[in-house]
C-alpha atoms as a PDB file:
ATOM      1  CA  MET A   1      11.024 -25.784  -4.430  1.00  0.00           C
ATOM      2  CA  SER A   2      11.523 -22.257  -5.440  1.00  0.00           C
ATOM      3  CA  PHE A   3      11.647 -18.248  -3.310  1.00  0.00           C
ATOM      4  CA  THR A   4       8.669 -17.162  -4.173  1.00  0.00           C
ATOM      5  CA  THR A   5       6.470 -21.015  -3.799  1.00  0.00           C
ATOM      6  CA  TYR A   6       8.109 -20.874  -0.069  1.00  0.00           C
ATOM      7  CA  TYR A   7       6.899 -17.147   0.593  1.00  0.00           C
ATOM      8  CA  MET A   8       3.247 -18.483  -1.052  1.00  0.00           C
ATOM      9  CA  HIS A   9       3.308 -21.332   1.388  1.00  0.00           C
ATOM     10  CA  LEU A  10       3.634 -19.101   4.109  1.00  0.00           C
ATOM     11  CA  VAL A  11       1.156 -16.558   3.433  1.00  0.00           C
ATOM     12  CA  PHE A  12      -1.546 -19.047   2.344  1.00  0.00           C
ATOM     13  CA  ALA A  13      -1.186 -21.340   5.252  1.00  0.00           C
ATOM     14  CA  ARG A  14      -2.531 -19.131   7.872  1.00  0.00           C
ATOM     15  CA  ILE A  15      -5.441 -18.474   5.587  1.00  0.00           C
ATOM     16  CA  PRO A  16      -8.074 -21.657   6.898  1.00  0.00           C
ATOM     17  CA  SER A  17      -8.861 -24.398   4.426  1.00  0.00           C
ATOM     18  CA  LEU A  18     -12.560 -23.256   3.220  1.00  0.00           C
ATOM     19  CA  LEU A  19      -9.968 -22.197  -0.137  1.00  0.00           C
ATOM     20  CA  ASN A  20      -7.912 -25.345  -1.365  1.00  0.00           C
ATOM     21  CA  SER A  21      -4.665 -24.753  -3.480  1.00  0.00           C
ATOM     22  CA  ASP A  22      -6.426 -25.323  -6.624  1.00  0.00           C
ATOM     23  CA  LEU A  23      -8.912 -22.277  -5.722  1.00  0.00           C
ATOM     24  CA  ILE A  24      -5.763 -19.885  -4.898  1.00  0.00           C
ATOM     25  CA  LEU A  25      -4.210 -20.568  -8.109  1.00  0.00           C
ATOM     26  CA  TYR A  26      -7.829 -18.905 -10.208  1.00  0.00           C
ATOM     27  CA  ILE A  27      -7.349 -16.176  -7.569  1.00  0.00           C
ATOM     28  CA  LEU A  28      -3.924 -15.419  -7.298  1.00  0.00           C
ATOM     29  CA  PRO A  29      -3.147 -14.220 -11.684  1.00  0.00           C
ATOM     30  CA  VAL A  30      -7.062 -12.302 -11.454  1.00  0.00           C
ATOM     31  CA  LEU A  31      -5.959 -10.232  -7.861  1.00  0.00           C
ATOM     32  CA  THR A  32      -2.996  -9.516  -9.730  1.00  0.00           C
ATOM     33  CA  VAL A  33      -4.174  -8.699 -13.346  1.00  0.00           C
ATOM     34  CA  SER A  34      -6.687  -6.538 -11.821  1.00  0.00           C
ATOM     35  CA  ILE A  35      -4.470  -4.805  -9.375  1.00  0.00           C
ATOM     36  CA  LEU A  36      -2.205  -4.087 -12.763  1.00  0.00           C
ATOM     37  CA  ILE A  37      -5.300  -3.030 -14.760  1.00  0.00           C
ATOM     38  CA  LEU A  38      -6.052  -0.512 -11.719  1.00  0.00           C
ATOM     39  CA  SER A  39      -2.670   1.058 -11.971  1.00  0.00           C
ATOM     40  CA  LEU A  40      -2.545   1.711 -15.496  1.00  0.00           C
ATOM     41  CA  LYS A  41      -5.706   3.027 -15.441  1.00  0.00           C
ATOM     42  CA  ILE A  42      -4.890   5.942 -12.776  1.00  0.00           C
ATOM     43  CA  MET A  43      -1.654   6.436 -14.764  1.00  0.00           C
ATOM     44  CA  PHE A  44      -3.147   7.035 -17.665  1.00  0.00           C
ATOM     45  CA  TYR A  45      -6.467   8.234 -17.417  1.00  0.00           C
ATOM     46  CA  LYS A  46      -6.657   9.969 -13.919  1.00  0.00           C
ATOM     47  CA  ALA A  47      -2.744  11.135 -14.326  1.00  0.00           C
ATOM     48  CA  PRO A  48      -3.158  15.197 -12.544  1.00  0.00           C
ATOM     49  CA  THR A  49      -2.125  17.581 -14.700  1.00  0.00           C
ATOM     50  CA  LEU A  50       1.346  19.478 -14.198  1.00  0.00           C
ATOM     51  CA  ARG A  51       2.222  23.388 -14.051  1.00  0.00           C
ATOM     52  CA  ARG A  52       4.080  24.613 -16.448  1.00  0.00           C
ATOM     53  CA  ALA A  53       7.008  26.310 -13.999  1.00  0.00           C
ATOM     54  CA  LYS A  54       7.975  29.859 -15.317  1.00  0.00           C
END
């Protein structure tokens, strides 16, 4: 068992059994990609304009 898998088991063990382990395999990558896209959108499209130093 890898380091990441161990901590994923610790985190997801507290979730009720309404979500089975197969569903987590689909939700986790979607969540990761959505966070990545959202952060890229904020960095490039909504970036604050900087003032020039005098």
